[in-house]
Structure formats: C-alpha cells, structure tokens
Amino acid sequence: MDGRNVYTETLACAAATIGGAARLAEFLRVPKGRLARWLAGEEPPPQDVFLDALDVIADGPYASPERRRPRVAVLHQNKR
C-alpha cells in the first residue's frame, strides 16, 4: 500500500469515526476543501494532521479538539 492510500484511508476512517468530513475538518481545524483534497488523494496531509486523524480513530466517539494530545518533534538523523 503506498503512502497516499494510507493517508486517504486513515482520514476516511477518522471522518467516519467522528461523524463525517465536516466534523473532521472542524476537529483538525482545516478548511473543508483542503480536507477534501486530502481525502481524494490529491495531496498528502501534513504529518500533524495525519497523527490527529489517528488520534480520532483511537479515541472513537470520544474524540474532541479539547482532548488533543501533545506532539513531540521527530528528529531525523543524517546518515553519513
């Protein structure tokens, strides 16, 4: 499965979990049109949006913007 499929399937699952694309856009604090492009696979979502979508799936019907988890930066090591 390529990266775009993982993103689109995750966002679609998050939308179904939270009650639709409009509610997911509100949760993610993004315009509905932008979410629609991500759901269509036209462009991948930013990493923080993808992680928030995973949180929605994990939290199920209890997902809410007030319960957002803190994010930790990921540092990539340069291979020499």
PDB file of N, CA and C in Angstrom:
ATOM      1  N   MET A   1       0.860  -1.180   0.000  1.00  0.00           N
ATOM      2  CA  MET A   1       0.000   0.000   0.000  1.00  0.00           C
ATOM      3  C   MET A   1       0.901   1.236   0.000  1.00  0.00           C
ATOM      4  N   ASP A   2       0.684   2.146  -0.913  1.00  0.00           N
ATOM      5  CA  ASP A   2       1.516   3.343  -0.946  1.00  0.00           C
ATOM      6  C   ASP A   2       1.053   4.356   0.097  1.00  0.00           C
ATOM      7  N   GLY A   3       1.879   5.390   0.304  1.00  0.00           N
ATOM      8  CA  GLY A   3       1.600   6.383   1.332  1.00  0.00           C
ATOM      9  C   GLY A   3       0.279   7.112   1.154  1.00  0.00           C
ATOM     10  N   ARG A   4      -0.071   7.414  -0.070  1.00  0.00           N
ATOM     11  CA  ARG A   4      -1.335   8.127  -0.288  1.00  0.00           C
ATOM     12  C   ARG A   4      -2.527   7.293   0.135  1.00  0.00           C
ATOM     13  N   ASN A   5      -2.493   6.005  -0.121  1.00  0.00           N
ATOM     14  CA  ASN A   5      -3.598   5.158   0.297  1.00  0.00           C
ATOM     15  C   ASN A   5      -3.709   5.105   1.807  1.00  0.00           C
ATOM     16  N   VAL A   6      -2.592   5.054   2.479  1.00  0.00           N
ATOM     17  CA  VAL A   6      -2.607   5.037   3.937  1.00  0.00           C
ATOM     18  C   VAL A   6      -3.222   6.334   4.447  1.00  0.00           C
ATOM     19  N   TYR A   7      -2.831   7.457   3.874  1.00  0.00           N
ATOM     20  CA  TYR A   7      -3.371   8.743   4.315  1.00  0.00           C
ATOM     21  C   TYR A   7      -4.867   8.848   4.039  1.00  0.00           C
ATOM     22  N   THR A   8      -5.271   8.520   2.824  1.00  0.00           N
ATOM     23  CA  THR A   8      -6.681   8.676   2.485  1.00  0.00           C
ATOM     24  C   THR A   8      -7.557   7.712   3.283  1.00  0.00           C
ATOM     25  N   GLU A   9      -7.107   6.492   3.463  1.00  0.00           N
ATOM     26  CA  GLU A   9      -7.887   5.532   4.243  1.00  0.00           C
ATOM     27  C   GLU A   9      -7.966   5.941   5.709  1.00  0.00           C
ATOM     28  N   THR A  10      -6.871   6.460   6.242  1.00  0.00           N
ATOM     29  CA  THR A  10      -6.868   6.909   7.637  1.00  0.00           C
ATOM     30  C   THR A  10      -7.803   8.093   7.816  1.00  0.00           C
ATOM     31  N   LEU A  11      -7.738   9.058   6.908  1.00  0.00           N
ATOM     32  CA  LEU A  11      -8.629  10.216   7.010  1.00  0.00           C
ATOM     33  C   LEU A  11     -10.085   9.814   6.829  1.00  0.00           C
ATOM     34  N   ALA A  12     -10.360   8.898   5.905  1.00  0.00           N
ATOM     35  CA  ALA A  12     -11.734   8.434   5.704  1.00  0.00           C
ATOM     36  C   ALA A  12     -12.247   7.715   6.946  1.00  0.00           C
ATOM     37  N   CYS A  13     -11.423   6.901   7.556  1.00  0.00           N
ATOM     38  CA  CYS A  13     -11.814   6.198   8.777  1.00  0.00           C
ATOM     39  C   CYS A  13     -12.060   7.196   9.910  1.00  0.00           C
ATOM     40  N   ALA A  14     -11.198   8.212  10.021  1.00  0.00           N
ATOM     41  CA  ALA A  14     -11.377   9.242  11.043  1.00  0.00           C
ATOM     42  C   ALA A  14     -12.677  10.008  10.816  1.00  0.00           C
ATOM     43  N   ALA A  15     -12.981  10.319   9.561  1.00  0.00           N
ATOM     44  CA  ALA A  15     -14.228  11.024   9.254  1.00  0.00           C
ATOM     45  C   ALA A  15     -15.438  10.173   9.642  1.00  0.00           C
ATOM     46  N   ALA A  16     -15.384   8.893   9.338  1.00  0.00           N
ATOM     47  CA  ALA A  16     -16.492   8.003   9.706  1.00  0.00           C
ATOM     48  C   ALA A  16     -16.612   7.890  11.222  1.00  0.00           C
ATOM     49  N   THR A  17     -15.496   7.880  11.900  1.00  0.00           N
ATOM     50  CA  THR A  17     -15.486   7.745  13.356  1.00  0.00           C
ATOM     51  C   THR A  17     -16.090   8.959  14.050  1.00  0.00           C
ATOM     52  N   ILE A  18     -15.762  10.147  13.534  1.00  0.00           N
ATOM     53  CA  ILE A  18     -16.166  11.380  14.218  1.00  0.00           C
ATOM     54  C   ILE A  18     -17.514  11.909  13.739  1.00  0.00           C
ATOM     55  N   GLY A  19     -18.046  11.347  12.660  1.00  0.00           N
ATOM     56  CA  GLY A  19     -19.368  11.776  12.208  1.00  0.00           C
ATOM     57  C   GLY A  19     -19.391  12.537  10.909  1.00  0.00           C
ATOM     58  N   GLY A  20     -18.393  12.351  10.078  1.00  0.00           N
ATOM     59  CA  GLY A  20     -18.391  12.971   8.761  1.00  0.00           C
ATOM     60  C   GLY A  20     -17.208  13.891   8.515  1.00  0.00           C
ATOM     61  N   ALA A  21     -17.034  14.217   7.234  1.00  0.00           N
ATOM     62  CA  ALA A  21     -15.898  15.049   6.828  1.00  0.00           C
ATOM     63  C   ALA A  21     -15.978  16.454   7.413  1.00  0.00           C
ATOM     64  N   ALA A  22     -17.176  17.009   7.515  1.00  0.00           N
ATOM     65  CA  ALA A  22     -17.313  18.363   8.055  1.00  0.00           C
ATOM     66  C   ALA A  22     -16.859  18.411   9.515  1.00  0.00           C
ATOM     67  N   ARG A  23     -17.243  17.408  10.287  1.00  0.00           N
ATOM     68  CA  ARG A  23     -16.829  17.369  11.694  1.00  0.00           C
ATOM     69  C   ARG A  23     -15.332  17.116  11.817  1.00  0.00           C
ATOM     70  N   LEU A  24     -14.786  16.290  10.921  1.00  0.00           N
ATOM     71  CA  LEU A  24     -13.342  16.042  10.952  1.00  0.00           C
ATOM     72  C   LEU A  24     -12.582  17.318  10.612  1.00  0.00           C
ATOM     73  N   ALA A  25     -13.041  18.058   9.614  1.00  0.00           N
ATOM     74  CA  ALA A  25     -12.384  19.323   9.254  1.00  0.00           C
ATOM     75  C   ALA A  25     -12.398  20.282  10.437  1.00  0.00           C
ATOM     76  N   GLU A  26     -13.508  20.326  11.141  1.00  0.00           N
ATOM     77  CA  GLU A  26     -13.606  21.184  12.323  1.00  0.00           C
ATOM     78  C   GLU A  26     -12.626  20.716  13.398  1.00  0.00           C
ATOM     79  N   PHE A  27     -12.569  19.408  13.640  1.00  0.00           N
ATOM     80  CA  PHE A  27     -11.654  18.855  14.629  1.00  0.00           C
ATOM     81  C   PHE A  27     -10.201  19.178  14.278  1.00  0.00           C
ATOM     82  N   LEU A  28      -9.867  19.009  12.996  1.00  0.00           N
ATOM     83  CA  LEU A  28      -8.492  19.236  12.544  1.00  0.00           C
ATOM     84  C   LEU A  28      -8.154  20.708  12.363  1.00  0.00           C
ATOM     85  N   ARG A  29      -9.198  21.555  12.412  1.00  0.00           N
ATOM     86  CA  ARG A  29      -9.034  22.998  12.219  1.00  0.00           C
ATOM     87  C   ARG A  29      -8.448  23.308  10.838  1.00  0.00           C
ATOM     88  N   VAL A  30      -9.059  22.683   9.835  1.00  0.00           N
ATOM     89  CA  VAL A  30      -8.651  22.915   8.444  1.00  0.00           C
ATOM     90  C   VAL A  30      -9.894  23.202   7.611  1.00  0.00           C
ATOM     91  N   PRO A  31      -9.746  23.942   6.509  1.00  0.00           N
ATOM     92  CA  PRO A  31     -10.891  24.178   5.622  1.00  0.00           C
ATOM     93  C   PRO A  31     -11.411  22.863   5.025  1.00  0.00           C
ATOM     94  N   LYS A  32     -12.713  22.786   4.813  1.00  0.00           N
ATOM     95  CA  LYS A  32     -13.329  21.579   4.268  1.00  0.00           C
ATOM     96  C   LYS A  32     -12.759  21.219   2.899  1.00  0.00           C
ATOM     97  N   GLY A  33     -12.466  22.232   2.083  1.00  0.00           N
ATOM     98  CA  GLY A  33     -11.913  21.979   0.757  1.00  0.00           C
ATOM     99  C   GLY A  33     -10.547  21.329   0.814  1.00  0.00           C
ATOM    100  N   ARG A  34      -9.760  21.738   1.762  1.00  0.00           N
ATOM    101  CA  ARG A  34      -8.419  21.154   1.901  1.00  0.00           C
ATOM    102  C   ARG A  34      -8.527  19.698   2.336  1.00  0.00           C
ATOM    103  N   LEU A  35      -9.416  19.441   3.305  1.00  0.00           N
ATOM    104  CA  LEU A  35      -9.629  18.062   3.738  1.00  0.00           C
ATOM    105  C   LEU A  35     -10.125  17.214   2.565  1.00  0.00           C
ATOM    106  N   ALA A  36     -10.985  17.766   1.746  1.00  0.00           N
ATOM    107  CA  ALA A  36     -11.499  17.040   0.584  1.00  0.00           C
ATOM    108  C   ALA A  36     -10.363  16.644  -0.359  1.00  0.00           C
ATOM    109  N   ARG A  37      -9.386  17.527  -0.550  1.00  0.00           N
ATOM    110  CA  ARG A  37      -8.232  17.204  -1.411  1.00  0.00           C
ATOM    111  C   ARG A  37      -7.412  16.070  -0.803  1.00  0.00           C
ATOM    112  N   TRP A  38      -7.243  16.096   0.518  1.00  0.00           N
ATOM    113  CA  TRP A  38      -6.507  15.013   1.181  1.00  0.00           C
ATOM    114  C   TRP A  38      -7.272  13.701   1.071  1.00  0.00           C
ATOM    115  N   LEU A  39      -8.586  13.750   1.284  1.00  0.00           N
ATOM    116  CA  LEU A  39      -9.408  12.540   1.189  1.00  0.00           C
ATOM    117  C   LEU A  39      -9.405  11.961  -0.220  1.00  0.00           C
ATOM    118  N   ALA A  40      -9.306  12.822  -1.222  1.00  0.00           N
ATOM    119  CA  ALA A  40      -9.283  12.378  -2.617  1.00  0.00           C
ATOM    120  C   ALA A  40      -7.898  11.884  -3.041  1.00  0.00           C
ATOM    121  N   GLY A  41      -6.898  12.059  -2.185  1.00  0.00           N
ATOM    122  CA  GLY A  41      -5.545  11.637  -2.522  1.00  0.00           C
ATOM    123  C   GLY A  41      -4.829  12.587  -3.445  1.00  0.00           C
ATOM    124  N   GLU A  42      -5.357  13.804  -3.587  1.00  0.00           N
ATOM    125  CA  GLU A  42      -4.732  14.788  -4.471  1.00  0.00           C
ATOM    126  C   GLU A  42      -3.431  15.327  -3.877  1.00  0.00           C
ATOM    127  N   GLU A  43      -3.335  15.331  -2.560  1.00  0.00           N
ATOM    128  CA  GLU A  43      -2.114  15.743  -1.879  1.00  0.00           C
ATOM    129  C   GLU A  43      -2.109  15.093  -0.502  1.00  0.00           C
ATOM    130  N   PRO A  44      -0.921  14.778   0.005  1.00  0.00           N
ATOM    131  CA  PRO A  44      -0.885  14.166   1.339  1.00  0.00           C
ATOM    132  C   PRO A  44      -1.078  15.229   2.422  1.00  0.00           C
ATOM    133  N   PRO A  45      -1.684  14.852   3.530  1.00  0.00           N
ATOM    134  CA  PRO A  45      -1.859  15.809   4.618  1.00  0.00           C
ATOM    135  C   PRO A  45      -0.531  16.020   5.349  1.00  0.00           C
ATOM    136  N   PRO A  46      -0.399  17.133   6.050  1.00  0.00           N
ATOM    137  CA  PRO A  46       0.789  17.313   6.893  1.00  0.00           C
ATOM    138  C   PRO A  46       0.842  16.219   7.964  1.00  0.00           C
ATOM    139  N   GLN A  47       2.023  15.965   8.455  1.00  0.00           N
ATOM    140  CA  GLN A  47       2.205  14.904   9.441  1.00  0.00           C
ATOM    141  C   GLN A  47       1.343  15.109  10.685  1.00  0.00           C
ATOM    142  N   ASP A  48       1.232  16.347  11.175  1.00  0.00           N
ATOM    143  CA  ASP A  48       0.449  16.579  12.382  1.00  0.00           C
ATOM    144  C   ASP A  48      -1.033  16.293  12.153  1.00  0.00           C
ATOM    145  N   VAL A  49      -1.528  16.553  10.963  1.00  0.00           N
ATOM    146  CA  VAL A  49      -2.926  16.254  10.625  1.00  0.00           C
ATOM    147  C   VAL A  49      -3.124  14.742  10.584  1.00  0.00           C
ATOM    148  N   PHE A  50      -2.200  14.024   9.981  1.00  0.00           N
ATOM    149  CA  PHE A  50      -2.282  12.568   9.923  1.00  0.00           C
ATOM    150  C   PHE A  50      -2.300  11.981  11.332  1.00  0.00           C
ATOM    151  N   LEU A  51      -1.429  12.484  12.208  1.00  0.00           N
ATOM    152  CA  LEU A  51      -1.388  11.995  13.583  1.00  0.00           C
ATOM    153  C   LEU A  51      -2.669  12.327  14.337  1.00  0.00           C
ATOM    154  N   ASP A  52      -3.227  13.513  14.097  1.00  0.00           N
ATOM    155  CA  ASP A  52      -4.505  13.866  14.726  1.00  0.00           C
ATOM    156  C   ASP A  52      -5.624  12.945  14.238  1.00  0.00           C
ATOM    157  N   ALA A  53      -5.594  12.560  12.969  1.00  0.00           N
ATOM    158  CA  ALA A  53      -6.594  11.638  12.438  1.00  0.00           C
ATOM    159  C   ALA A  53      -6.471  10.274  13.115  1.00  0.00           C
ATOM    160  N   LEU A  54      -5.249   9.835  13.361  1.00  0.00           N
ATOM    161  CA  LEU A  54      -5.049   8.588  14.093  1.00  0.00           C
ATOM    162  C   LEU A  54      -5.607   8.693  15.511  1.00  0.00           C
ATOM    163  N   ASP A  55      -5.437   9.860  16.128  1.00  0.00           N
ATOM    164  CA  ASP A  55      -5.995  10.074  17.467  1.00  0.00           C
ATOM    165  C   ASP A  55      -7.517   9.972  17.447  1.00  0.00           C
ATOM    166  N   VAL A  56      -8.143  10.511  16.413  1.00  0.00           N
ATOM    167  CA  VAL A  56      -9.599  10.428  16.289  1.00  0.00           C
ATOM    168  C   VAL A  56     -10.027   8.964  16.236  1.00  0.00           C
ATOM    169  N   ILE A  57      -9.327   8.181  15.455  1.00  0.00           N
ATOM    170  CA  ILE A  57      -9.662   6.761  15.339  1.00  0.00           C
ATOM    171  C   ILE A  57      -9.474   6.073  16.690  1.00  0.00           C
ATOM    172  N   ALA A  58      -8.385   6.379  17.367  1.00  0.00           N
ATOM    173  CA  ALA A  58      -8.113   5.750  18.660  1.00  0.00           C
ATOM    174  C   ALA A  58      -9.130   6.162  19.722  1.00  0.00           C
ATOM    175  N   ASP A  59      -9.540   7.426  19.708  1.00  0.00           N
ATOM    176  CA  ASP A  59     -10.483   7.926  20.710  1.00  0.00           C
ATOM    177  C   ASP A  59     -11.927   7.552  20.394  1.00  0.00           C
ATOM    178  N   GLY A  60     -12.207   7.234  19.147  1.00  0.00           N
ATOM    179  CA  GLY A  60     -13.559   6.866  18.747  1.00  0.00           C
ATOM    180  C   GLY A  60     -14.529   8.015  18.944  1.00  0.00           C
ATOM    181  N   PRO A  61     -15.727   7.728  19.414  1.00  0.00           N
ATOM    182  CA  PRO A  61     -16.742   8.779  19.549  1.00  0.00           C
ATOM    183  C   PRO A  61     -16.400   9.808  20.625  1.00  0.00           C
ATOM    184  N   TYR A  62     -15.358   9.544  21.389  1.00  0.00           N
ATOM    185  CA  TYR A  62     -14.960  10.479  22.446  1.00  0.00           C
ATOM    186  C   TYR A  62     -13.950  11.519  21.959  1.00  0.00           C
ATOM    187  N   ALA A  63     -13.592  11.489  20.701  1.00  0.00           N
ATOM    188  CA  ALA A  63     -12.633  12.442  20.147  1.00  0.00           C
ATOM    189  C   ALA A  63     -13.196  13.856  20.229  1.00  0.00           C
ATOM    190  N   SER A  64     -12.374  14.776  20.689  1.00  0.00           N
ATOM    191  CA  SER A  64     -12.773  16.180  20.731  1.00  0.00           C
ATOM    192  C   SER A  64     -11.525  17.043  20.665  1.00  0.00           C
ATOM    193  N   PRO A  65     -11.642  18.232  20.086  1.00  0.00           N
ATOM    194  CA  PRO A  65     -10.478  19.118  19.986  1.00  0.00           C
ATOM    195  C   PRO A  65      -9.898  19.465  21.357  1.00  0.00           C
ATOM    196  N   GLU A  66     -10.709  19.465  22.383  1.00  0.00           N
ATOM    197  CA  GLU A  66     -10.223  19.808  23.718  1.00  0.00           C
ATOM    198  C   GLU A  66      -9.322  18.723  24.293  1.00  0.00           C
ATOM    199  N   ARG A  67      -9.434  17.517  23.780  1.00  0.00           N
ATOM    200  CA  ARG A  67      -8.640  16.396  24.295  1.00  0.00           C
ATOM    201  C   ARG A  67      -7.417  16.120  23.430  1.00  0.00           C
ATOM    202  N   ARG A  68      -6.964  17.094  22.688  1.00  0.00           N
ATOM    203  CA  ARG A  68      -5.807  16.872  21.809  1.00  0.00           C
ATOM    204  C   ARG A  68      -4.591  16.431  22.607  1.00  0.00           C
ATOM    205  N   ARG A  69      -3.836  15.553  22.001  1.00  0.00           N
ATOM    206  CA  ARG A  69      -2.610  15.071  22.636  1.00  0.00           C
ATOM    207  C   ARG A  69      -1.451  15.990  22.259  1.00  0.00           C
ATOM    208  N   PRO A  70      -0.517  16.167  23.172  1.00  0.00           N
ATOM    209  CA  PRO A  70       0.669  16.953  22.814  1.00  0.00           C
ATOM    210  C   PRO A  70       1.514  16.180  21.801  1.00  0.00           C
ATOM    211  N   ARG A  71       2.154  16.885  20.925  1.00  0.00           N
ATOM    212  CA  ARG A  71       3.009  16.277  19.911  1.00  0.00           C
ATOM    213  C   ARG A  71       4.473  16.479  20.288  1.00  0.00           C
ATOM    214  N   VAL A  72       5.262  15.510  19.917  1.00  0.00           N
ATOM    215  CA  VAL A  72       6.697  15.570  20.135  1.00  0.00           C
ATOM    216  C   VAL A  72       7.358  15.620  18.763  1.00  0.00           C
ATOM    217  N   ALA A  73       8.315  16.494  18.613  1.00  0.00           N
ATOM    218  CA  ALA A  73       9.006  16.611  17.320  1.00  0.00           C
ATOM    219  C   ALA A  73       9.797  15.345  17.041  1.00  0.00           C
ATOM    220  N   VAL A  74       9.840  14.974  15.788  1.00  0.00           N
ATOM    221  CA  VAL A  74      10.625  13.818  15.358  1.00  0.00           C
ATOM    222  C   VAL A  74      11.897  14.358  14.732  1.00  0.00           C
ATOM    223  N   LEU A  75      13.020  13.910  15.237  1.00  0.00           N
ATOM    224  CA  LEU A  75      14.304  14.349  14.718  1.00  0.00           C
ATOM    225  C   LEU A  75      14.878  13.238  13.856  1.00  0.00           C
ATOM    226  N   HIS A  76      15.265  13.598  12.660  1.00  0.00           N
ATOM    227  CA  HIS A  76      15.846  12.632  11.737  1.00  0.00           C
ATOM    228  C   HIS A  76      17.364  12.742  11.813  1.00  0.00           C
ATOM    229  N   GLN A  77      18.005  11.584  11.900  1.00  0.00           N
ATOM    230  CA  GLN A  77      19.470  11.581  11.903  1.00  0.00           C
ATOM    231  C   GLN A  77      19.961  11.513  10.473  1.00  0.00           C
ATOM    232  N   ASN A  78      20.950  12.317  10.175  1.00  0.00           N
ATOM    233  CA  ASN A  78      21.579  12.265   8.861  1.00  0.00           C
ATOM    234  C   ASN A  78      22.515  11.073   8.813  1.00  0.00           C
ATOM    235  N   LYS A  79      22.351  10.256   7.809  1.00  0.00           N
ATOM    236  CA  LYS A  79      23.249   9.108   7.651  1.00  0.00           C
ATOM    237  C   LYS A  79      24.466   9.572   6.880  1.00  0.00           C
ATOM    238  N   ARG A  80      25.595   9.197   7.383  1.00  0.00           N
ATOM    239  CA  ARG A  80      26.849   9.622   6.739  1.00  0.00           C
ATOM    240  C   ARG A  80      27.506   8.487   6.037  1.00  0.00           C
TER     241      ARG A  80
END
